Amino acid sequence: MMDKERILKRNKEYSENFIQPLKNSSIPLYLKEVFKKEKINSLIDLGCGDGILIHALKKEFPKLKIVGVDISPRRVEGLKKAFPKEKFYRRDVCDTELNVKFDFVHSSQVIEHVPSDRKMIKEIGRLLNKEGILFCSSVIKKPWAIYKYKNNGKFVLDPTPEREYKNKKEFLDLFKENFKLIKSEIIPVKRNFLNFQIKIPGYYLIWGIWKKRK
């Protein structure tokens, strides 16, 4: 089996079994700020999962045109039932085969799972309108990072990453050629343990908001 096929198969199996909680889903403040400042009529969520963001967006922006792409048949079918007027596709986020452009591309903690992060970024650029907005997040792993999962003998934040970025620069540099950075942030990863939020040693979430260059 080709390496790409192996990765997609593994990601699909994990996605089919992991159900994301949708209760009390809300739009993060940093995304609300973007929607206030920019004229956004259409959005595509690459790796949309069970639709945490989509449910929140449709509550607050019912007229927003939304497209979702995910590798999980269960997730895609669930979203089709929940939002019959929107479009959802079970496809590779690196090659969506869509001939539509969007005002906003959103992708949360997906890029570290794909066979080629650069190919995914190229696809994002293809899908974005001129001066469109991109939100992308991922994982930074310090050398001493420890967690309960392992992949290829190394600690990982969840079971299926192809990579975890070493630092802020490594992640942000992926986008600098074709996107202008508006804002970014790094925050420690926390997990709930006995109703306490515990920091995971050496792990951080990083997100950025960019505008596509002209």
Protein backbone atom coordinates (compact mmCIF):
# COMPACT_ATOMS: atom_id res chain seq x y z
CA MET A 1 0.00 0.00 0.00
CA MET A 2 1.31 3.43 -0.88
CA ASP A 3 2.31 5.64 2.04
CA LYS A 4 -0.43 8.19 1.25
CA GLU A 5 -3.08 5.46 1.21
CA ARG A 6 -1.81 4.09 4.53
CA ILE A 7 -2.02 7.52 6.16
CA LEU A 8 -5.51 8.24 4.82
CA LYS A 9 -6.75 4.80 5.91
CA ARG A 10 -5.39 5.28 9.43
CA ASN A 11 -6.87 8.77 9.73
CA LYS A 12 -10.24 7.52 8.49
CA GLU A 13 -10.32 4.69 11.03
CA TYR A 14 -9.49 7.06 13.89
CA SER A 15 -12.07 9.63 12.75
CA GLU A 16 -14.82 7.02 12.48
CA ASN A 17 -14.37 6.01 16.13
CA PHE A 18 -13.66 9.36 17.79
CA ILE A 19 -16.83 11.40 18.33
CA GLN A 20 -16.36 15.08 19.11
CA PRO A 21 -18.68 16.63 21.73
CA LEU A 22 -21.00 19.22 20.16
CA LYS A 23 -22.78 20.41 23.31
CA ASN A 24 -22.39 24.14 23.95
CA SER A 25 -20.16 24.64 20.90
CA SER A 26 -19.21 28.27 20.37
CA ILE A 27 -17.18 30.45 18.02
CA PRO A 28 -13.75 31.31 19.48
CA LEU A 29 -13.27 35.01 20.18
CA TYR A 30 -10.37 35.34 17.72
CA LEU A 31 -12.62 34.07 14.91
CA LYS A 32 -15.48 36.35 15.93
CA GLU A 33 -13.09 39.28 15.54
CA VAL A 34 -12.30 38.21 11.97
CA PHE A 35 -15.99 37.98 11.08
CA LYS A 36 -16.54 41.49 12.45
CA LYS A 37 -13.68 43.00 10.42
CA GLU A 38 -13.92 41.07 7.16
CA LYS A 39 -16.75 40.48 4.71
CA ILE A 40 -17.13 36.70 4.80
CA ASN A 41 -19.96 35.09 2.87
CA SER A 42 -18.48 31.63 2.35
CA LEU A 43 -16.31 29.26 4.39
CA ILE A 44 -14.78 25.84 3.88
CA ASP A 45 -13.74 23.75 6.87
CA LEU A 46 -10.97 21.32 5.92
CA GLY A 47 -11.06 18.39 8.30
CA CYS A 48 -14.40 19.53 9.69
CA GLY A 49 -14.82 16.54 12.01
CA ASP A 50 -18.24 16.28 13.62
CA GLY A 51 -18.79 19.97 12.93
CA ILE A 52 -18.07 21.73 16.23
CA LEU A 53 -17.34 25.03 14.48
CA ILE A 54 -20.03 24.55 11.84
CA HIS A 55 -22.78 24.12 14.43
CA ALA A 56 -21.65 27.29 16.20
CA LEU A 57 -21.34 29.30 12.97
CA LYS A 58 -24.78 28.37 11.69
CA LYS A 59 -26.33 29.54 14.97
CA GLU A 60 -24.73 32.96 14.75
CA PHE A 61 -24.46 33.37 10.96
CA PRO A 62 -27.36 31.38 9.45
CA LYS A 63 -26.82 32.87 5.97
CA LEU A 64 -23.14 31.91 5.82
CA LYS A 65 -22.43 29.47 2.98
CA ILE A 66 -20.48 26.54 4.46
CA VAL A 67 -18.70 23.59 2.86
CA GLY A 68 -17.11 20.84 4.94
CA VAL A 69 -14.51 18.27 3.93
CA ASP A 70 -13.56 15.26 6.04
CA ILE A 71 -12.24 11.76 5.48
CA SER A 72 -14.81 10.12 7.77
CA PRO A 73 -18.03 8.81 6.15
CA ARG A 74 -19.81 8.90 9.52
CA ARG A 75 -18.97 12.54 10.11
CA VAL A 76 -19.86 13.65 6.60
CA GLU A 77 -23.21 11.85 6.63
CA GLY A 78 -24.02 13.27 10.05
CA LEU A 79 -23.39 16.82 8.87
CA LYS A 80 -25.44 16.29 5.70
CA LYS A 81 -28.40 15.33 7.89
CA ALA A 82 -27.86 18.23 10.30
CA PHE A 83 -27.41 20.85 7.56
CA PRO A 84 -29.14 19.63 4.37
CA LYS A 85 -28.72 23.00 2.62
CA GLU A 86 -24.93 22.98 2.97
CA LYS A 87 -22.37 20.85 1.12
CA PHE A 88 -20.20 18.19 2.76
CA TYR A 89 -17.68 15.92 1.04
CA ARG A 90 -15.70 12.84 2.05
CA ARG A 91 -12.42 13.73 0.39
CA ASP A 92 -8.71 14.28 0.91
CA VAL A 93 -8.12 17.81 2.26
CA CYS A 94 -4.95 18.00 0.15
CA ASP A 95 -6.91 17.36 -3.04
CA THR A 96 -10.56 18.32 -2.59
CA GLU A 97 -11.33 18.38 -6.35
CA LEU A 98 -13.59 21.39 -5.69
CA ASN A 99 -13.75 24.17 -8.27
CA VAL A 100 -15.17 26.78 -5.92
CA LYS A 101 -13.41 29.60 -4.08
CA PHE A 102 -14.14 30.79 -0.56
CA ASP A 103 -13.74 33.90 1.56
CA PHE A 104 -12.46 31.87 4.51
CA VAL A 105 -10.61 28.57 4.88
CA HIS A 106 -10.61 27.01 8.34
CA SER A 107 -8.56 23.99 9.42
CA SER A 108 -8.00 23.04 13.03
CA GLN A 109 -5.31 20.51 13.96
CA VAL A 110 -5.44 18.71 10.63
CA ILE A 111 -2.24 19.76 8.88
CA GLU A 112 -0.04 17.60 11.12
CA HIS A 113 -1.96 14.49 10.01
CA VAL A 114 -1.71 14.78 6.22
CA PRO A 115 1.01 13.15 4.09
CA SER A 116 2.30 16.55 2.87
CA ASP A 117 1.69 19.80 4.73
CA ARG A 118 2.98 21.82 1.79
CA LYS A 119 0.52 20.16 -0.58
CA MET A 120 -2.30 21.01 1.81
CA ILE A 121 -1.20 24.65 1.95
CA LYS A 122 -1.11 24.77 -1.85
CA GLU A 123 -4.69 23.43 -1.93
CA ILE A 124 -5.74 26.05 0.63
CA GLY A 125 -4.34 28.78 -1.61
CA ARG A 126 -6.25 27.38 -4.57
CA LEU A 127 -9.52 27.38 -2.62
CA LEU A 128 -9.20 30.93 -1.27
CA ASN A 129 -10.53 34.02 -2.95
CA LYS A 130 -8.15 36.90 -3.60
CA GLU A 131 -7.21 38.32 -0.18
CA GLY A 132 -9.25 35.56 1.48
CA ILE A 133 -8.69 34.64 5.12
CA LEU A 134 -7.08 31.47 6.45
CA PHE A 135 -7.19 30.05 9.97
CA CYS A 136 -4.93 27.07 10.60
CA SER A 137 -3.83 25.47 13.85
CA SER A 138 -1.47 22.66 14.78
CA VAL A 139 0.79 21.25 17.50
CA ILE A 140 4.22 22.25 18.76
CA LYS A 141 6.22 19.56 20.53
CA LYS A 142 9.25 20.27 22.69
CA PRO A 143 12.02 17.62 22.94
CA TRP A 144 10.92 16.67 26.47
CA ALA A 145 7.22 16.32 25.63
CA ILE A 146 5.41 13.36 27.21
CA TYR A 147 1.89 12.05 26.73
CA LYS A 148 -0.07 8.80 26.82
CA TYR A 149 0.06 8.08 23.06
CA LYS A 150 2.99 6.82 21.01
CA ASN A 151 3.56 6.70 17.26
CA ASN A 152 6.68 5.07 15.78
CA GLY A 153 8.11 4.79 19.28
CA LYS A 154 7.73 8.50 20.09
CA PHE A 155 5.29 10.31 22.34
CA VAL A 156 2.53 12.10 20.40
CA LEU A 157 -0.47 14.22 21.35
CA ASP A 158 -2.93 11.93 19.58
CA PRO A 159 -2.55 8.58 17.80
CA THR A 160 -2.25 9.62 14.15
CA PRO A 161 0.09 12.57 13.45
CA GLU A 162 2.61 12.49 10.61
CA ARG A 163 4.54 15.34 12.21
CA GLU A 164 4.53 17.67 15.21
CA TYR A 165 6.25 21.00 14.69
CA LYS A 166 9.37 21.87 16.68
CA ASN A 167 8.67 25.56 17.19
CA LYS A 168 6.62 28.58 16.12
CA LYS A 169 8.96 29.53 13.28
CA GLU A 170 8.86 26.09 11.65
CA PHE A 171 5.06 26.21 11.51
CA LEU A 172 4.59 29.84 10.46
CA ASP A 173 7.31 29.66 7.79
CA LEU A 174 5.18 27.16 5.86
CA PHE A 175 2.74 29.95 4.99
CA LYS A 176 4.93 33.03 4.52
CA GLU A 177 5.38 32.78 0.74
CA ASN A 178 1.70 33.09 -0.18
CA PHE A 179 0.01 34.39 2.97
CA LYS A 180 0.41 37.50 5.12
CA LEU A 181 0.24 36.75 8.84
CA ILE A 182 -2.36 38.79 10.73
CA LYS A 183 -2.18 37.17 14.15
CA SER A 184 -0.84 34.06 15.86
CA GLU A 185 -0.78 32.59 19.34
CA ILE A 186 0.75 29.67 21.23
CA ILE A 187 -1.02 28.15 24.22
CA PRO A 188 -0.17 25.17 26.46
CA VAL A 189 -2.12 21.99 25.79
CA LYS A 190 -4.37 21.06 28.71
CA ARG A 191 -6.46 17.98 29.37
CA ASN A 192 -9.19 17.38 31.92
CA PHE A 193 -8.23 15.10 34.80
CA LEU A 194 -10.59 14.68 37.77
CA ASN A 195 -12.23 18.01 36.85
CA PHE A 196 -8.87 19.81 36.81
CA GLN A 197 -7.20 21.24 33.70
CA ILE A 198 -3.71 19.72 33.65
CA LYS A 199 -0.94 20.95 31.32
CA ILE A 200 0.60 18.28 29.10
CA PRO A 201 4.41 18.54 29.47
CA GLY A 202 6.10 19.96 26.38
CA TYR A 203 2.99 20.32 24.22
CA TYR A 204 1.52 23.54 22.83
CA LEU A 205 -1.20 24.48 20.38
CA ILE A 206 -0.32 27.07 17.78
CA TRP A 207 -2.77 28.92 15.55
CA GLY A 208 -2.47 31.62 12.97
CA ILE A 209 -4.74 33.86 10.93
CA TRP A 210 -3.50 34.91 7.51
CA LYS A 211 -4.67 36.89 4.52
CA LYS A 212 -3.89 35.50 1.08
CA ARG A 213 -1.39 37.67 -0.76
CA LYS A 214 -2.55 39.37 -3.94
